[in-house]
Amino acid sequence: MNILSIETATEHGSVALLHDGELLVRRVHGAARHSEAVLRDLRALLAEAGLAISALDAVAFGAGPGAFTGLRLACGVAQGIALGAGIGVAAVGSLQALALQTGAPRVLVATDARMGEIYHAAFVAAPDGVPQPVGDTRCSPPLALELPAGDWLATGSAFRAWPEELEACTAGRLLGCLPDLHPRAEEVARLAAHLVARGELRTPEFAAPLYVRDKVALTTAERLARGGRA
C-alpha cells in the first residue's frame, strides 16, 4: 500500500510516505515554511521511493482541529494530488493521530487552541490498535474539560499551556502526561491505511478540514473581557 500524508495542523509540520509497510518522513518546522516546503518534500519522498503519483493508493491529510491556515493547506494539497492521480483522500483527525502516537489504550488528547481555549477528545484503542473516539471532539475553555470515567494517559500541547487548569479538571485520574507530543504525518498515514482497507476514502471534492470552531480571532471586546489588551 502506498499513501502520501500531510500534517500541518500545528507549527510542527511533516509529510510522510507509507510505502509497502515502511515510512519515509520529512519534518517542516515553523508554520511560515509549510506552504513552501510541503510540495517540495512530497516530491522528494516519491523520488526517494522511486514511485510515481499514479502508484499511490490514497493521499491523506491531518484534518485537525488545529491552525486554520495549516488545515486548509494540507487539505488543498491533498485534493490537488488526488484529483490529478484519480484517487481518494483520507481525512484523518489530528487528535486521533496524536492518540495513536502514544500507543496507550486510553488517551486524553488536549491541544492549545489559543484564544483561551483547548481542543480535546478522549480515545480508546480498538482491537486493531486504532484509537476510537469517546464522544465528540470539542473546543472549550480549559476548565470546561470533562474527563470520561476511568484513568487516562494525557497528551497534547494544552497540558503545557494550561497545566493548573487541566490538573484541576482531571483530579488525579491521569496515569501520565506527554505534553510535548504533536500530530505527525506518519500516524496520519497509518490511520489512512485503515481507511483504505475499509473503503472509506472521500472523493477529493468532498474532503474538508475539521475546524470544530469557526473563529480565528477574538474581537476587541472579547480580548478586554478576558483581561487582554485592546
Protein backbone atom coordinates (compact mmCIF):
# COMPACT_ATOMS: atom_id res chain seq x y z
CA MET A 1 0.00 0.00 0.00
CA ASN A 2 1.30 3.46 -0.93
CA ILE A 3 -0.03 6.53 0.89
CA LEU A 4 1.24 10.12 0.91
CA SER A 5 0.32 12.05 4.06
CA ILE A 6 0.47 15.67 5.19
CA GLU A 7 0.16 17.02 8.74
CA THR A 8 0.29 20.82 9.17
CA ALA A 9 -2.29 21.37 11.91
CA THR A 10 0.45 22.87 14.14
CA GLU A 11 3.76 24.63 13.62
CA HIS A 12 5.41 21.19 13.74
CA GLY A 13 4.58 20.17 10.18
CA SER A 14 5.56 16.92 8.49
CA VAL A 15 4.94 14.83 5.42
CA ALA A 16 5.30 11.07 5.04
CA LEU A 17 5.11 8.28 2.52
CA LEU A 18 3.88 4.86 3.61
CA HIS A 19 5.40 2.51 1.04
CA ASP A 20 4.99 -1.25 1.36
CA GLY A 21 4.83 -1.03 5.15
CA GLU A 22 7.80 1.33 5.52
CA LEU A 23 7.59 5.02 6.38
CA LEU A 24 9.64 7.82 4.85
CA VAL A 25 9.28 11.12 6.70
CA ARG A 26 10.27 14.76 6.32
CA ARG A 27 9.81 17.41 9.06
CA VAL A 28 8.83 21.04 8.42
CA HIS A 29 9.43 23.27 11.46
CA GLY A 30 7.74 26.66 11.59
CA ALA A 31 4.28 27.35 10.22
CA ALA A 32 5.58 30.06 7.87
CA ARG A 33 7.57 27.42 5.95
CA HIS A 34 4.75 24.94 5.45
CA SER A 35 3.46 26.28 2.14
CA GLU A 36 6.91 26.40 0.52
CA ALA A 37 8.11 23.06 1.88
CA VAL A 38 5.17 20.65 1.66
CA LEU A 39 5.08 20.10 -2.11
CA ARG A 40 8.87 20.06 -2.35
CA ASP A 41 9.17 17.43 0.37
CA LEU A 42 6.34 15.30 -1.03
CA ARG A 43 8.12 15.21 -4.39
CA ALA A 44 11.35 14.29 -2.61
CA LEU A 45 9.68 11.38 -0.80
CA LEU A 46 8.26 9.99 -4.03
CA ALA A 47 11.65 10.31 -5.71
CA GLU A 48 13.38 8.59 -2.79
CA ALA A 49 10.97 5.66 -3.02
CA GLY A 50 11.07 5.60 -6.81
CA LEU A 51 7.29 5.96 -7.01
CA ALA A 52 5.11 7.81 -9.47
CA ILE A 53 1.96 9.56 -8.24
CA SER A 54 -0.02 7.03 -10.28
CA ALA A 55 1.23 4.30 -7.92
CA LEU A 56 -0.46 5.86 -4.87
CA ASP A 57 -3.50 4.27 -3.25
CA ALA A 58 -4.53 7.43 -1.40
CA VAL A 59 -3.46 10.87 -0.21
CA ALA A 60 -4.05 11.59 3.48
CA PHE A 61 -4.04 14.79 5.48
CA GLY A 62 -4.35 15.74 9.13
CA ALA A 63 -7.83 17.26 9.15
CA GLY A 64 -7.49 18.97 12.53
CA PRO A 65 -8.59 20.60 14.63
CA GLY A 66 -5.67 22.98 14.55
CA ALA A 67 -4.38 26.11 12.86
CA PHE A 68 -6.85 27.13 10.16
CA THR A 69 -4.18 28.08 7.61
CA GLY A 70 -2.35 24.80 8.10
CA LEU A 71 -5.52 22.76 7.77
CA ARG A 72 -6.51 24.49 4.54
CA LEU A 73 -3.03 23.98 3.14
CA ALA A 74 -2.97 20.25 3.90
CA CYS A 75 -6.47 19.72 2.56
CA GLY A 76 -5.83 21.72 -0.61
CA VAL A 77 -2.58 19.91 -1.42
CA ALA A 78 -4.18 16.51 -0.77
CA GLN A 79 -7.13 17.40 -3.02
CA GLY A 80 -4.89 18.59 -5.83
CA ILE A 81 -2.70 15.48 -5.82
CA ALA A 82 -5.70 13.15 -5.53
CA LEU A 83 -7.56 14.83 -8.38
CA GLY A 84 -4.53 14.56 -10.63
CA ALA A 85 -3.98 10.90 -9.77
CA GLY A 86 -7.65 9.91 -9.82
CA ILE A 87 -7.55 8.54 -6.25
CA GLY A 88 -9.35 9.14 -2.97
CA VAL A 89 -8.47 11.28 0.04
CA ALA A 90 -8.22 10.15 3.67
CA ALA A 91 -9.16 12.92 6.11
CA VAL A 92 -7.63 11.86 9.44
CA GLY A 93 -8.32 13.59 12.75
CA SER A 94 -5.17 15.19 14.12
CA LEU A 95 -6.13 14.37 17.71
CA GLN A 96 -6.68 10.73 16.72
CA ALA A 97 -3.21 10.68 15.15
CA LEU A 98 -1.78 12.08 18.38
CA ALA A 99 -3.56 9.39 20.40
CA LEU A 100 -2.10 6.69 18.15
CA GLN A 101 1.39 8.10 18.64
CA THR A 102 1.24 7.37 22.39
CA GLY A 103 0.48 3.67 21.89
CA ALA A 104 -1.66 3.76 25.04
CA PRO A 105 -5.06 2.02 25.30
CA ARG A 106 -6.85 5.04 26.81
CA VAL A 107 -5.74 8.52 25.83
CA LEU A 108 -6.98 12.00 26.63
CA VAL A 109 -5.75 14.41 23.96
CA ALA A 110 -5.88 18.17 24.51
CA THR A 111 -4.16 20.75 22.34
CA ASP A 112 -3.88 24.50 22.76
CA ALA A 113 -6.49 26.20 20.58
CA ARG A 114 -5.34 29.73 21.53
CA MET A 115 -7.88 32.43 22.43
CA GLY A 116 -8.16 30.90 25.92
CA GLU A 117 -9.49 27.56 24.65
CA ILE A 118 -8.39 23.99 24.03
CA TYR A 119 -9.33 21.26 21.59
CA HIS A 120 -9.90 17.94 23.34
CA ALA A 121 -11.13 14.39 22.86
CA ALA A 122 -10.73 11.01 24.55
CA PHE A 123 -9.83 7.81 22.68
CA VAL A 124 -9.93 4.10 23.49
CA ALA A 125 -7.88 1.71 21.36
CA ALA A 126 -9.88 -0.85 19.35
CA PRO A 127 -8.59 -4.45 18.97
CA ASP A 128 -6.80 -3.42 15.75
CA GLY A 129 -4.99 -0.66 17.66
CA VAL A 130 -6.87 2.23 16.08
CA PRO A 131 -7.91 4.85 18.69
CA GLN A 132 -11.68 5.26 18.66
CA PRO A 133 -13.22 8.50 19.99
CA VAL A 134 -15.30 8.55 23.15
CA GLY A 135 -17.76 11.30 22.27
CA ASP A 136 -17.09 14.30 20.03
CA THR A 137 -14.02 16.46 19.60
CA ARG A 138 -14.71 19.70 21.45
CA CYS A 139 -13.35 23.21 21.78
CA SER A 140 -13.81 24.82 25.20
CA PRO A 141 -12.07 26.78 27.95
CA PRO A 142 -9.62 24.54 29.82
CA LEU A 143 -11.72 24.43 32.98
CA ALA A 144 -14.71 23.15 30.98
CA LEU A 145 -12.94 19.90 30.06
CA GLU A 146 -14.99 16.87 31.11
CA LEU A 147 -12.99 13.67 31.57
CA PRO A 148 -14.84 10.39 30.90
CA ALA A 149 -14.84 7.74 33.63
CA GLY A 150 -11.64 5.79 34.23
CA ASP A 151 -7.94 6.52 34.14
CA TRP A 152 -6.20 8.03 31.12
CA LEU A 153 -2.83 8.87 29.66
CA ALA A 154 -2.81 12.53 28.70
CA THR A 155 -1.03 14.16 25.79
CA GLY A 156 -1.04 17.38 23.83
CA SER A 157 0.15 20.98 23.98
CA ALA A 158 -2.73 22.11 26.20
CA PHE A 159 -1.11 20.37 29.15
CA ARG A 160 1.91 22.62 28.68
CA ALA A 161 -0.16 25.77 28.12
CA TRP A 162 -2.75 25.18 30.88
CA PRO A 163 -1.19 22.87 33.50
CA GLU A 164 -3.02 24.13 36.59
CA GLU A 165 -6.44 24.31 34.96
CA LEU A 166 -6.21 20.82 33.47
CA GLU A 167 -4.84 19.38 36.69
CA ALA A 168 -7.95 20.72 38.43
CA CYS A 169 -10.22 19.12 35.81
CA THR A 170 -8.56 15.71 35.80
CA ALA A 171 -8.35 15.41 39.61
CA GLY A 172 -5.54 12.84 39.81
CA ARG A 173 -7.06 10.49 37.21
CA LEU A 174 -4.16 10.69 34.78
CA LEU A 175 -1.74 7.78 34.51
CA GLY A 176 0.86 10.10 32.99
CA CYS A 177 1.21 13.13 30.74
CA LEU A 178 3.12 13.70 27.49
CA PRO A 179 2.68 17.44 26.85
CA ASP A 180 5.34 17.78 24.17
CA LEU A 181 3.94 15.41 21.56
CA HIS A 182 2.37 16.89 18.43
CA PRO A 183 0.50 15.34 15.48
CA ARG A 184 2.75 13.73 12.86
CA ALA A 185 2.31 12.65 9.26
CA GLU A 186 3.41 9.08 9.98
CA GLU A 187 0.43 8.39 12.24
CA VAL A 188 -1.84 10.12 9.72
CA ALA A 189 -0.56 7.68 7.09
CA ARG A 190 -1.01 4.66 9.37
CA LEU A 191 -4.61 5.63 10.16
CA ALA A 192 -5.26 6.33 6.49
CA ALA A 193 -4.21 2.77 5.67
CA HIS A 194 -7.12 1.50 7.76
CA LEU A 195 -9.49 3.81 5.86
CA VAL A 196 -8.17 2.48 2.56
CA ALA A 197 -8.65 -1.11 3.73
CA ARG A 198 -12.24 -0.36 4.76
CA GLY A 199 -13.06 1.55 1.57
CA GLU A 200 -13.73 4.76 3.48
CA LEU A 201 -11.87 7.28 1.34
CA ARG A 202 -13.51 10.51 0.23
CA THR A 203 -13.59 11.86 -3.27
CA PRO A 204 -11.26 14.89 -3.41
CA GLU A 205 -14.02 17.47 -3.78
CA PHE A 206 -15.66 16.29 -0.54
CA ALA A 207 -12.52 16.29 1.60
CA ALA A 208 -12.64 19.02 4.26
CA PRO A 209 -10.84 20.05 7.45
CA LEU A 210 -12.31 19.55 10.92
CA TYR A 211 -12.45 23.10 12.27
CA VAL A 212 -14.54 22.49 15.46
CA ARG A 213 -14.85 26.26 15.89
CA ASP A 214 -15.30 28.93 13.23
CA LYS A 215 -13.48 31.88 14.81
CA VAL A 216 -9.88 32.76 14.01
CA ALA A 217 -9.51 35.70 16.42
CA LEU A 218 -11.18 37.41 19.36
CA THR A 219 -12.91 40.76 18.98
CA THR A 220 -11.54 43.75 20.88
CA ALA A 221 -14.39 43.46 23.40
CA GLU A 222 -13.67 39.77 23.95
CA ARG A 223 -9.96 40.42 24.49
CA LEU A 224 -10.73 43.13 27.05
CA ALA A 225 -13.26 40.89 28.82
CA ARG A 226 -10.55 38.23 29.20
CA GLY A 227 -8.03 40.69 30.59
CA GLY A 228 -6.10 41.21 27.36
CA ARG A 229 -5.15 44.36 25.50
CA ALA A 230 -7.37 46.19 23.05
